[in-house]
Structures are given as C-alpha cells and as structure tokens.
Amino acid sequence: MHQGQSADPAFDRDTPNRIAILREYLRPWKLVTFMLGTTALVAGAFHYEAPDWDVGISLVMATLAYLTAPWSLRTLLERRWRMLPYALFFTWFTVDGSYAIYWHFRNPAALALMREANFAASLALYGMCGVVWLHRGSLRQLLEAARAIVRKPRNHHA
C-alpha cells in the first residue's frame, strides 16, 4: 500500500466514497457505543456539580468526537501529512473550540474557571473515541480481527 492509499479501497483519499463513509457512521455497533458514551456524559452532567458540564455541551462534544476522532487518528496512523492541519483543527475544535464557544455564550465565568482542566480530560476522551471507532467494518469483523491477533503464534527468542 503506497502513501495516499487507504487499506480499504472505498476510502481511498483520492476518490472518497461518501456512501462507504456514511455506512461507517451508521454501523449499529458504532451507534450503540456512541449512544452509551453520550448517555454516560449526560448522566455525569446531572450527577456531578461541575460548573461547565451540562447536557448541551455533552451532546455537542460527543457528536463532534463521533464525527471527527476516528478520522483524525487515522490521519496520524496513515501518515497523511497533507491532511494533518485538518486533523489538528478538528481535534482542537472538538476538544476546546466548541467548548469555548458554547461556554462563552452560556456562562463565561465557567469558561474562565474550567477551560484549562477541561482540555486535558476532553483530549484524553477524544483519543479514546478515536481508538474505539477507528475500525472500519462490522462488529463481527472487528472481533474476528482481534481474535486473529490474539491467536497469532508468537516467535519466542531465548
């Protein structure tokens, strides 16, 4: 595979297949994990009394992470350096930009108080989302690939 070509021909960056991309966003296992994660964030907004954690920002940031985190991570893993500025922008916008815009209008004092602490936590969650949703394929295919890795004979050297 040469640089510029994806492992999945439907995702060749020179000729993106929008149907294949949409199919990945609509995979049941990805939607279920997105809903579970979003539910956890919304529950946290009710449970914890953090001044910068509410349902609105939970929905905004979760949705942006779902849409951009796997692509941003894949850009790094596939060494698509021409796309790196976009990946960095989407990462920043999801982790900090959307947060700053939201709280600027909702509660500027919360933004001033919590922005720095939010960045580290949100960046870690963004990275985890990228890893969880990176796989292109069904849940069955993901599990088969994981089993193949686990079952792969190891070459032990003394």
Protein backbone atom coordinates (compact mmCIF):
# COMPACT_ATOMS: atom_id res chain seq x y z
CA MET A 1 0.00 0.00 0.00
CA HIS A 2 1.53 3.29 -1.05
CA GLN A 3 1.17 6.56 0.80
CA GLY A 4 -2.13 8.15 -0.09
CA GLN A 5 -3.99 4.88 -0.38
CA SER A 6 -6.20 3.55 2.39
CA ALA A 7 -6.31 -0.09 3.42
CA ASP A 8 -9.96 -0.03 2.34
CA PRO A 9 -10.34 0.92 -1.35
CA ALA A 10 -13.72 2.52 -0.62
CA PHE A 11 -11.80 5.05 1.47
CA ASP A 12 -9.02 5.88 -0.99
CA ARG A 13 -8.39 9.51 -0.17
CA ASP A 14 -8.10 10.43 -3.83
CA THR A 15 -11.62 9.15 -4.58
CA PRO A 16 -13.64 9.16 -1.37
CA ASN A 17 -16.74 7.02 -1.46
CA ARG A 18 -19.30 9.00 0.51
CA ILE A 19 -21.63 6.01 0.74
CA ALA A 20 -18.90 3.94 2.42
CA ILE A 21 -18.14 6.78 4.82
CA LEU A 22 -21.80 7.18 5.70
CA ARG A 23 -22.09 3.41 6.16
CA GLU A 24 -19.30 3.57 8.77
CA TYR A 25 -21.09 6.29 10.74
CA LEU A 26 -24.29 4.24 10.66
CA ARG A 27 -22.84 0.90 11.77
CA PRO A 28 -25.00 -0.39 14.64
CA TRP A 29 -22.06 -1.12 16.96
CA LYS A 30 -20.72 2.41 16.47
CA LEU A 31 -24.11 4.00 17.02
CA VAL A 32 -24.67 1.91 20.17
CA THR A 33 -21.27 2.85 21.61
CA PHE A 34 -21.91 6.49 20.68
CA MET A 35 -25.27 6.40 22.48
CA LEU A 36 -23.76 4.67 25.53
CA GLY A 37 -20.95 7.22 25.75
CA THR A 38 -23.31 10.12 25.26
CA THR A 39 -25.65 8.72 27.91
CA ALA A 40 -22.71 8.48 30.32
CA LEU A 41 -21.80 12.11 29.64
CA VAL A 42 -25.37 13.28 30.12
CA ALA A 43 -25.67 11.25 33.34
CA GLY A 44 -22.43 12.83 34.54
CA ALA A 45 -23.84 16.27 33.84
CA PHE A 46 -26.69 15.52 36.24
CA HIS A 47 -24.60 13.70 38.83
CA TYR A 48 -21.59 15.99 39.17
CA GLU A 49 -22.00 19.63 40.02
CA ALA A 50 -19.27 20.90 37.72
CA PRO A 51 -19.95 24.45 36.55
CA ASP A 52 -19.00 23.59 32.96
CA TRP A 53 -20.75 20.25 32.48
CA ASP A 54 -24.30 20.24 31.21
CA VAL A 55 -26.42 18.28 28.76
CA GLY A 56 -25.85 20.73 25.91
CA ILE A 57 -22.06 20.60 25.92
CA SER A 58 -22.20 16.83 26.43
CA LEU A 59 -24.24 16.43 23.24
CA VAL A 60 -22.13 18.87 21.23
CA MET A 61 -18.76 17.41 22.16
CA ALA A 62 -19.87 13.77 21.93
CA THR A 63 -21.28 14.31 18.45
CA LEU A 64 -18.19 16.14 17.23
CA ALA A 65 -15.97 13.38 18.64
CA TYR A 66 -18.05 10.72 16.88
CA LEU A 67 -17.72 12.54 13.58
CA THR A 68 -14.03 13.50 13.75
CA ALA A 69 -11.98 11.45 16.24
CA PRO A 70 -11.54 8.28 14.14
CA TRP A 71 -10.63 10.31 11.07
CA SER A 72 -8.13 12.43 12.99
CA LEU A 73 -6.46 9.36 14.46
CA ARG A 74 -6.40 7.60 11.09
CA THR A 75 -4.75 10.66 9.55
CA LEU A 76 -1.87 10.23 12.00
CA LEU A 77 -1.66 6.45 11.72
CA GLU A 78 -1.63 6.52 7.92
CA ARG A 79 0.87 9.41 7.90
CA ARG A 80 -1.33 11.58 5.75
CA TRP A 81 0.74 14.65 6.45
CA ARG A 82 -1.08 16.93 3.99
CA MET A 83 -4.27 16.31 5.97
CA LEU A 84 -2.60 16.83 9.36
CA PRO A 85 -3.61 20.52 9.68
CA TYR A 86 -7.25 19.49 9.23
CA ALA A 87 -6.92 16.67 11.76
CA LEU A 88 -5.35 19.07 14.26
CA PHE A 89 -8.07 21.64 13.63
CA PHE A 90 -10.88 19.10 14.13
CA THR A 91 -9.18 17.80 17.25
CA TRP A 92 -8.80 21.30 18.68
CA PHE A 93 -12.32 22.35 17.68
CA THR A 94 -13.89 19.26 19.26
CA VAL A 95 -11.79 19.37 22.42
CA ASP A 96 -11.59 23.12 23.04
CA GLY A 97 -13.09 25.32 20.34
CA SER A 98 -16.67 24.10 20.63
CA TYR A 99 -16.35 24.17 24.42
CA ALA A 100 -15.09 27.76 24.39
CA ILE A 101 -17.83 28.95 22.02
CA TYR A 102 -20.56 27.17 23.98
CA TRP A 103 -19.48 28.48 27.39
CA HIS A 104 -18.66 31.95 26.06
CA PHE A 105 -22.37 32.40 25.41
CA ARG A 106 -23.75 30.19 28.20
CA ASN A 107 -21.55 31.13 31.17
CA PRO A 108 -18.27 32.97 30.56
CA ALA A 109 -17.27 32.61 34.22
CA ALA A 110 -17.40 28.81 33.94
CA LEU A 111 -15.28 29.03 30.81
CA ALA A 112 -12.62 31.09 32.55
CA LEU A 113 -12.63 28.80 35.57
CA MET A 114 -12.67 25.38 33.88
CA ARG A 115 -11.21 25.66 30.37
CA GLU A 116 -7.70 24.50 31.20
CA ALA A 117 -8.88 21.49 33.22
CA ASN A 118 -11.41 20.57 30.54
CA PHE A 119 -8.80 20.48 27.79
CA ALA A 120 -6.79 17.58 29.23
CA ALA A 121 -9.85 15.48 30.08
CA SER A 122 -11.52 16.14 26.74
CA LEU A 123 -8.36 15.41 24.76
CA ALA A 124 -7.98 12.06 26.53
CA LEU A 125 -11.63 11.18 25.80
CA TYR A 126 -11.22 12.29 22.18
CA GLY A 127 -8.25 9.96 21.76
CA MET A 128 -10.15 7.07 23.30
CA CYS A 129 -13.09 7.73 20.98
CA GLY A 130 -10.74 7.67 18.02
CA VAL A 131 -9.41 4.27 19.07
CA VAL A 132 -12.88 2.81 19.74
CA TRP A 133 -14.35 3.96 16.42
CA LEU A 134 -11.23 3.55 14.26
CA HIS A 135 -12.15 0.12 12.88
CA ARG A 136 -13.85 0.15 9.50
CA GLY A 137 -16.20 -2.76 9.43
CA SER A 138 -18.82 -4.65 11.33
CA LEU A 139 -18.52 -5.69 14.95
CA ARG A 140 -18.10 -9.28 13.77
CA GLN A 141 -15.16 -8.25 11.59
CA LEU A 142 -13.62 -6.33 14.47
CA LEU A 143 -13.91 -9.32 16.80
CA GLU A 144 -12.50 -11.68 14.14
CA ALA A 145 -9.51 -9.38 13.62
CA ALA A 146 -8.94 -9.18 17.39
CA ARG A 147 -9.11 -12.98 17.70
CA ALA A 148 -6.64 -13.39 14.85
CA ILE A 149 -4.19 -11.09 16.62
CA VAL A 150 -4.58 -12.95 19.91
CA ARG A 151 -4.21 -16.36 18.24
CA LYS A 152 -1.25 -15.32 16.13
CA PRO A 153 1.71 -17.54 17.04
CA ARG A 154 4.43 -15.63 18.78
CA ASN A 155 8.02 -16.07 17.80
CA HIS A 156 9.79 -16.54 21.13
CA HIS A 157 13.53 -15.89 21.20
CA ALA A 158 15.65 -17.17 24.05
